[in-house]
Amino acid sequence: MTFRIEIPEKDLDDLNARLTNARWPAFVSPDGWNRGIPLDEMRDLADYWRTGFDWRAQEARLNRYPQFVTEIDGQRIHFLHVRSARPDAKALMLTHGYPSSVVEFLPLIDLLSDDFHLVVPSLPGYAFSTPLSATGWTMARTAHAWTALMASLGYQRYGVHGGDIGAGVSGTVAGIDGEHVIGVHVVTDPATAAATATFLPGMADRLDPNDPVDKLILDRMATFSGEGSGYLAIQNSRPQTIAYGLTDSPLLQLAWIAEKLHEWTERPVDRDLILATVSLYWFTGSGATAAHTLYEQAHSSDWGAPPSVPQGFAVFGADETVRKLVPAPPSAHWTEFAHGRHFPAMEAPADLAADLRAFFGPLQ
């Protein structure tokens, strides 16, 4: 079914009123970002969200692309479907992660749409893939939904790409649907690789603190565990508790996302893109349901089957630690970029687009 984003004016008025009447903490941390997003940063962002940000312009930008909603496995799924003018173009599915949305790929879509038919879904529980229909929406279940979506669109052969959760979902799609997937391409960066390593049993024991590269990995793992994983610990354990604040307070929803974007990016990201994603979370209440899907994955033992198709890796802000941490097969396509970090579709879209064309171009 075709879909068009049309947020009611009363929802915009309600957001404006909540931001206007927001309560601010009296204590100002002297430690910059060490205790979370600083008050001056938050006031500046919130003021721009209230007085300078044009949601209707971002809504129109999103509505430039054909959008649809369907139901798969009882769940409403929203997706962009941007077909290339070339009939022989390859199909490519782009899957976002957390805390992100299809907005992440807006800088990338126009760079790729000449060469690919693009399918860009919202993860279950995110943005317009709401309300969340039930518990149990893990990455593996999402991957099965994605294979059903691509089959329903008539794509017999297609590629998959993602970062963060999107990387896990894409790898699982490639593992369960190798008959139809031509290749899987993911993005990563040193901090993400080290954070992922903290969840691998015995990883710390396999690293030598006397080796400079291993020591750097261990330090990053400790930093993530001690300082960078609080958001995940809350959502992995008490998603319902944080859901009340994310649903009722635009300040909390803004801080919850803006802090991660600051920590996980190297290059400045257009704040209109940031606020477009924050607004999607706010208007759809998906901060709460996204938290529940993170809980589901944390309590699941189903991580899907490993891919048997060609694999591609684009490493942003690359250093020697990623070569040790990322389980890339010897035959994998591997590209390193000195710049960018966790959100290359927004930080370095031209580089990412070029790498996607280089990887998928030869695949049949």
Protein backbone atom coordinates (compact mmCIF):
# COMPACT_ATOMS: atom_id res chain seq x y z
CA MET A 1 0.00 0.00 0.00
CA THR A 2 1.38 3.41 -0.90
CA PHE A 3 2.25 5.67 1.99
CA ARG A 4 2.84 9.36 2.48
CA ILE A 5 4.14 11.06 5.62
CA GLU A 6 1.63 13.58 6.91
CA ILE A 7 2.19 14.47 10.55
CA PRO A 8 -0.91 16.26 11.90
CA GLU A 9 -0.48 19.94 12.69
CA LYS A 10 -1.69 19.30 16.24
CA ASP A 11 1.35 17.06 16.78
CA LEU A 12 3.65 19.88 15.68
CA ASP A 13 1.83 22.27 18.02
CA ASP A 14 2.16 19.79 20.89
CA LEU A 15 5.91 19.41 20.29
CA ASN A 16 6.33 23.18 20.19
CA ALA A 17 4.44 23.56 23.47
CA ARG A 18 6.46 20.85 25.21
CA LEU A 19 9.75 22.40 24.09
CA THR A 20 8.58 25.88 25.08
CA ASN A 21 7.57 24.69 28.56
CA ALA A 22 10.44 22.26 29.08
CA ARG A 23 12.00 21.99 32.52
CA TRP A 24 15.79 22.27 32.51
CA PRO A 25 18.24 20.94 35.10
CA ALA A 26 19.72 23.61 37.36
CA PHE A 27 23.10 21.91 37.82
CA VAL A 28 25.58 22.55 35.02
CA SER A 29 28.26 19.87 34.74
CA PRO A 30 31.79 21.28 34.59
CA ASP A 31 33.04 18.18 32.75
CA GLY A 32 31.93 18.86 29.19
CA TRP A 33 30.57 15.69 27.58
CA ASN A 34 31.93 13.35 30.27
CA ARG A 35 28.59 13.21 32.11
CA GLY A 36 26.40 13.33 29.01
CA ILE A 37 25.31 16.01 26.59
CA PRO A 38 26.11 19.46 28.06
CA LEU A 39 23.34 21.88 28.92
CA ASP A 40 24.44 24.56 26.46
CA GLU A 41 24.51 22.02 23.61
CA MET A 42 21.04 20.80 24.53
CA ARG A 43 19.59 24.28 24.81
CA ASP A 44 20.99 25.19 21.41
CA LEU A 45 19.63 22.04 19.75
CA ALA A 46 16.24 22.27 21.45
CA ASP A 47 15.89 25.94 20.55
CA TYR A 48 16.69 25.20 16.93
CA TRP A 49 14.22 22.29 16.94
CA ARG A 50 11.55 24.66 18.24
CA THR A 51 12.26 27.82 16.23
CA GLY A 52 14.52 27.02 13.26
CA PHE A 53 13.94 23.44 12.19
CA ASP A 54 11.40 23.03 9.39
CA TRP A 55 9.72 19.64 9.80
CA ARG A 56 7.48 20.22 6.79
CA ALA A 57 10.56 20.68 4.58
CA GLN A 58 12.02 17.39 5.84
CA GLU A 59 8.65 15.70 5.43
CA ALA A 60 8.54 16.90 1.82
CA ARG A 61 12.10 15.68 1.28
CA LEU A 62 11.15 12.20 2.46
CA ASN A 63 7.95 12.26 0.41
CA ARG A 64 9.99 12.80 -2.76
CA TYR A 65 10.66 9.08 -2.64
CA PRO A 66 7.99 6.43 -3.19
CA GLN A 67 7.00 4.93 0.16
CA PHE A 68 4.88 1.97 1.11
CA VAL A 69 3.61 0.04 4.10
CA THR A 70 2.89 -3.66 4.19
CA GLU A 71 2.33 -6.34 6.82
CA ILE A 72 4.79 -9.18 7.30
CA ASP A 73 4.59 -11.71 10.15
CA GLY A 74 1.89 -9.58 11.76
CA GLN A 75 4.08 -6.46 11.78
CA ARG A 76 3.52 -3.24 9.88
CA ILE A 77 6.61 -2.52 7.78
CA HIS A 78 7.34 0.86 6.20
CA PHE A 79 9.84 1.18 3.37
CA LEU A 80 11.10 3.43 0.61
CA HIS A 81 11.25 1.83 -2.83
CA VAL A 82 13.27 3.92 -5.26
CA ARG A 83 13.50 2.24 -8.66
CA SER A 84 16.32 3.06 -11.05
CA ALA A 85 15.53 4.20 -14.59
CA ARG A 86 17.83 1.37 -15.74
CA PRO A 87 15.87 -1.86 -16.18
CA ASP A 88 19.06 -3.90 -15.64
CA ALA A 89 19.92 -2.19 -12.36
CA LYS A 90 20.68 -4.45 -9.41
CA ALA A 91 18.39 -4.44 -6.38
CA LEU A 92 19.94 -3.27 -3.11
CA MET A 93 18.39 -3.22 0.35
CA LEU A 94 19.73 -0.63 2.82
CA THR A 95 19.06 -1.25 6.53
CA HIS A 96 19.66 1.37 9.21
CA GLY A 97 20.64 0.77 12.81
CA TYR A 98 20.18 2.43 16.21
CA PRO A 99 19.53 5.25 16.97
CA SER A 100 18.77 5.91 13.35
CA SER A 101 16.09 5.79 10.68
CA VAL A 102 15.69 5.82 6.90
CA VAL A 103 16.71 9.49 7.10
CA GLU A 104 20.30 8.24 7.50
CA PHE A 105 20.27 7.15 3.87
CA LEU A 106 18.85 10.32 2.31
CA PRO A 107 22.31 11.65 1.33
CA LEU A 108 23.05 8.24 -0.22
CA ILE A 109 19.87 7.55 -2.18
CA ASP A 110 20.42 10.05 -4.99
CA LEU A 111 24.03 8.86 -5.35
CA LEU A 112 22.92 5.25 -5.85
CA SER A 113 19.56 5.42 -7.61
CA ASP A 114 21.07 5.45 -11.12
CA ASP A 115 22.75 2.10 -10.50
CA PHE A 116 20.39 0.33 -8.09
CA HIS A 117 16.75 -0.32 -7.36
CA LEU A 118 16.76 0.70 -3.69
CA VAL A 119 14.62 -0.79 -0.93
CA VAL A 120 15.06 1.11 2.34
CA PRO A 121 12.90 -0.25 5.19
CA SER A 122 12.30 1.06 8.69
CA LEU A 123 13.22 -1.59 11.24
CA PRO A 124 10.25 -3.08 13.14
CA GLY A 125 9.42 -0.74 16.00
CA TYR A 126 11.13 2.24 14.35
CA ALA A 127 9.43 5.29 12.79
CA PHE A 128 6.50 4.20 10.64
CA SER A 129 7.12 0.47 11.18
CA THR A 130 5.01 0.98 14.30
CA PRO A 131 3.16 0.09 16.40
CA LEU A 132 5.22 -2.91 17.43
CA SER A 133 2.93 -5.89 17.00
CA ALA A 134 4.42 -8.25 19.56
CA THR A 135 7.52 -9.24 21.45
CA GLY A 136 10.24 -11.26 19.77
CA TRP A 137 11.42 -8.87 17.06
CA THR A 138 15.09 -9.84 17.02
CA MET A 139 17.54 -9.31 14.18
CA ALA A 140 16.90 -12.86 12.95
CA ARG A 141 13.14 -12.37 12.84
CA THR A 142 13.65 -9.06 11.05
CA ALA A 143 15.92 -10.79 8.53
CA HIS A 144 13.18 -13.29 7.72
CA ALA A 145 10.78 -10.37 7.23
CA TRP A 146 13.27 -8.70 4.88
CA THR A 147 13.56 -11.81 2.72
CA ALA A 148 9.76 -11.92 2.52
CA LEU A 149 9.66 -8.24 1.60
CA MET A 150 12.17 -8.64 -1.24
CA ALA A 151 10.31 -11.69 -2.55
CA SER A 152 7.03 -9.79 -2.48
CA LEU A 153 8.62 -7.03 -4.55
CA GLY A 154 9.67 -9.59 -7.16
CA TYR A 155 13.44 -9.43 -6.64
CA GLN A 156 14.98 -12.80 -7.35
CA ARG A 157 18.51 -11.49 -6.87
CA TYR A 158 19.51 -8.63 -4.60
CA GLY A 159 22.28 -7.23 -2.42
CA VAL A 160 22.10 -6.14 1.20
CA HIS A 161 23.90 -3.38 3.08
CA GLY A 162 23.79 -2.04 6.61
CA GLY A 163 25.57 -0.68 9.64
CA ASP A 164 25.05 -1.21 13.36
CA ILE A 165 21.88 -3.32 13.76
CA GLY A 166 21.50 -3.04 9.99
CA ALA A 167 24.81 -4.88 9.57
CA GLY A 168 23.58 -7.73 11.75
CA VAL A 169 20.26 -7.94 9.94
CA SER A 170 21.95 -7.79 6.54
CA GLY A 171 24.42 -10.53 7.44
CA THR A 172 21.56 -12.71 8.66
CA VAL A 173 19.58 -12.10 5.46
CA ALA A 174 22.61 -13.25 3.50
CA GLY A 175 22.90 -16.32 5.71
CA ILE A 176 19.29 -17.44 5.35
CA ASP A 177 18.64 -16.37 1.77
CA GLY A 178 21.92 -17.09 -0.01
CA GLU A 179 19.95 -18.46 -2.95
CA HIS A 180 18.82 -14.93 -3.76
CA VAL A 181 21.38 -12.62 -2.12
CA ILE A 182 24.28 -11.72 -4.41
CA GLY A 183 26.40 -10.19 -1.66
CA VAL A 184 26.41 -8.48 1.73
CA HIS A 185 28.18 -5.18 2.39
CA VAL A 186 28.55 -3.67 5.86
CA VAL A 187 30.20 -0.65 7.43
CA THR A 188 32.13 -0.54 10.67
CA ASP A 189 34.68 1.55 12.54
CA PRO A 190 37.22 0.94 15.33
CA ALA A 191 34.95 1.99 18.20
CA THR A 192 32.07 -0.15 16.93
CA ALA A 193 34.38 -3.12 16.45
CA ALA A 194 35.72 -2.78 20.00
CA ALA A 195 32.22 -2.33 21.44
CA THR A 196 31.06 -5.48 19.62
CA ALA A 197 34.08 -7.35 20.98
CA THR A 198 32.92 -6.69 24.57
CA PHE A 199 29.98 -9.03 23.93
CA LEU A 200 32.12 -11.89 22.60
CA PRO A 201 32.82 -14.47 25.33
CA GLY A 202 36.51 -14.79 26.14
CA MET A 203 37.63 -12.01 23.80
CA ALA A 204 39.52 -10.11 26.51
CA ASP A 205 41.39 -13.30 27.48
CA ARG A 206 42.56 -13.77 23.89
CA LEU A 207 44.18 -10.34 23.75
CA ASP A 208 47.72 -9.60 24.99
CA PRO A 209 47.95 -6.36 27.01
CA ASN A 210 51.66 -6.20 26.14
CA ASP A 211 50.89 -6.00 22.43
CA PRO A 212 50.24 -2.35 21.39
CA VAL A 213 47.30 -3.19 19.12
CA ASP A 214 45.72 -5.56 21.64
CA LYS A 215 46.24 -2.97 24.39
CA LEU A 216 44.39 -0.36 22.32
CA ILE A 217 41.52 -2.80 21.78
CA LEU A 218 41.37 -3.65 25.49
CA ASP A 219 41.36 0.05 26.39
CA ARG A 220 38.49 0.71 23.98
CA MET A 221 36.56 -2.27 25.28
CA ALA A 222 37.00 -0.99 28.84
CA THR A 223 35.91 2.52 27.83
CA PHE A 224 32.77 1.18 26.18
CA SER A 225 31.93 -1.07 29.14
CA GLY A 226 32.61 1.59 31.74
CA GLU A 227 31.44 4.79 30.05
CA GLY A 228 29.79 4.17 26.69
CA SER A 229 27.29 1.38 27.24
CA GLY A 230 24.89 2.94 29.73
CA TYR A 231 22.21 3.61 27.13
CA LEU A 232 22.37 -0.02 26.04
CA ALA A 233 22.36 -1.42 29.57
CA ILE A 234 19.14 0.45 30.34
CA GLN A 235 17.38 -0.59 27.14
CA ASN A 236 18.65 -4.17 27.35
CA SER A 237 17.28 -4.53 30.88
CA ARG A 238 14.49 -2.00 31.54
CA PRO A 239 13.06 -0.84 28.20
CA GLN A 240 9.62 -0.18 29.66
CA THR A 241 11.00 2.18 32.30
CA ILE A 242 12.91 4.39 29.85
CA ALA A 243 9.95 4.18 27.45
CA TYR A 244 7.88 6.53 29.59
CA GLY A 245 10.44 9.31 29.36
CA LEU A 246 11.18 8.79 25.66
CA THR A 247 7.46 8.91 24.88
CA ASP A 248 6.60 11.88 27.10
CA SER A 249 9.65 14.16 26.92
CA PRO A 250 11.03 15.52 23.64
CA LEU A 251 14.11 16.69 25.57
CA LEU A 252 14.93 13.15 26.65
CA GLN A 253 14.36 11.79 23.15
CA LEU A 254 16.59 14.54 21.72
CA ALA A 255 19.36 13.98 24.26
CA TRP A 256 19.14 10.19 23.91
CA ILE A 257 19.91 10.39 20.17
CA ALA A 258 22.07 13.53 19.97
CA GLU A 259 24.56 12.18 22.52
CA LYS A 260 25.16 9.06 20.44
CA LEU A 261 25.50 11.02 17.22
CA HIS A 262 28.13 13.22 18.88
CA GLU A 263 30.07 10.24 20.24
CA TRP A 264 29.85 8.13 17.12
CA THR A 265 30.67 10.64 14.38
CA GLU A 266 33.88 12.34 13.33
CA ARG A 267 32.56 14.71 10.69
CA PRO A 268 29.77 17.21 11.38
CA VAL A 269 26.32 15.89 10.46
CA ASP A 270 23.70 18.32 9.17
CA ARG A 271 21.56 19.07 12.21
CA ASP A 272 18.45 19.09 10.05
CA LEU A 273 19.16 15.40 9.36
CA ILE A 274 19.69 14.80 13.08
CA LEU A 275 16.44 16.51 13.99
CA ALA A 276 14.54 14.79 11.18
CA THR A 277 15.41 11.43 12.76
CA VAL A 278 14.69 12.70 16.29
CA SER A 279 11.34 14.03 15.04
CA LEU A 280 10.45 10.65 13.50
CA TYR A 281 11.15 8.96 16.82
CA TRP A 282 9.12 11.60 18.65
CA PHE A 283 6.06 11.70 16.38
CA THR A 284 5.80 7.89 16.20
CA GLY A 285 6.75 7.13 19.80
CA SER A 286 9.36 4.75 18.51
CA GLY A 287 11.99 5.58 21.11
CA ALA A 288 10.02 3.22 23.32
CA THR A 289 9.60 0.40 20.82
CA ALA A 290 13.18 0.65 19.57
CA ALA A 291 14.25 0.10 23.19
CA HIS A 292 12.11 -3.03 23.34
CA THR A 293 13.69 -4.49 20.19
CA LEU A 294 17.14 -3.96 21.73
CA TYR A 295 15.90 -5.85 24.80
CA GLU A 296 14.67 -8.67 22.55
CA GLN A 297 18.06 -9.06 20.89
CA ALA A 298 19.92 -8.94 24.19
CA HIS A 299 17.78 -11.84 25.45
CA SER A 300 17.94 -13.91 22.27
CA SER A 301 20.33 -16.72 21.40
CA ASP A 302 19.34 -16.61 17.72
CA TRP A 303 22.00 -14.71 15.81
CA GLY A 304 21.17 -16.29 12.47
CA ALA A 305 23.36 -18.25 10.07
CA PRO A 306 26.68 -16.83 8.81
CA PRO A 307 26.65 -15.61 5.20
CA SER A 308 28.03 -17.83 2.47
CA VAL A 309 27.79 -15.15 -0.25
CA PRO A 310 30.48 -12.59 -1.19
CA GLN A 311 31.15 -10.15 1.65
CA GLY A 312 32.24 -6.52 1.55
CA PHE A 313 33.50 -4.31 4.38
CA ALA A 314 33.90 -0.54 4.39
CA VAL A 315 35.87 0.56 7.44
CA PHE A 316 35.67 4.23 8.36
CA GLY A 317 38.25 5.89 10.61
CA ALA A 318 40.20 2.69 10.04
CA ASP A 319 43.18 1.57 12.10
CA GLU A 320 44.98 -1.69 12.77
CA THR A 321 42.53 -2.78 15.49
CA VAL A 322 39.69 -3.36 13.02
CA ARG A 323 41.78 -5.77 10.96
CA LYS A 324 42.11 -7.93 14.06
CA LEU A 325 38.53 -7.67 15.29
CA VAL A 326 36.36 -7.92 12.18
CA PRO A 327 35.85 -11.54 11.04
CA ALA A 328 36.29 -10.91 7.32
CA PRO A 329 37.08 -13.95 5.16
CA PRO A 330 40.28 -13.75 3.07
CA SER A 331 38.24 -13.30 -0.10
CA ALA A 332 36.26 -10.34 1.26
CA HIS A 333 36.16 -6.95 -0.40
CA TRP A 334 37.85 -4.64 2.12
CA THR A 335 38.15 -0.85 1.91
CA GLU A 336 39.59 1.44 4.56
CA PHE A 337 38.86 5.15 4.91
CA ALA A 338 40.86 7.37 7.23
CA HIS A 339 37.84 9.58 7.93
CA GLY A 340 34.28 9.06 9.14
CA ARG A 341 32.97 6.74 11.81
CA HIS A 342 29.65 5.09 12.64
CA PHE A 343 27.32 6.89 10.22
CA PRO A 344 29.17 7.09 6.90
CA ALA A 345 25.94 7.44 4.90
CA MET A 346 25.67 10.88 6.55
CA GLU A 347 29.36 11.61 7.15
CA ALA A 348 30.88 10.45 3.85
CA PRO A 349 28.06 9.45 1.48
CA ALA A 350 30.11 9.80 -1.73
CA ASP A 351 32.79 7.44 -0.40
CA LEU A 352 30.24 4.91 0.74
CA ALA A 353 28.35 5.08 -2.56
CA ALA A 354 31.57 4.49 -4.48
CA ASP A 355 32.43 1.47 -2.35
CA LEU A 356 28.95 0.00 -2.78
CA ARG A 357 29.26 0.33 -6.56
CA ALA A 358 32.77 -1.17 -6.49
CA PHE A 359 31.61 -4.17 -4.46
CA PHE A 360 28.27 -4.94 -6.06
CA GLY A 361 29.22 -3.94 -9.61
CA PRO A 362 30.95 -7.23 -10.55
CA LEU A 363 28.45 -9.47 -8.72
CA GLN A 364 25.76 -11.24 -10.71
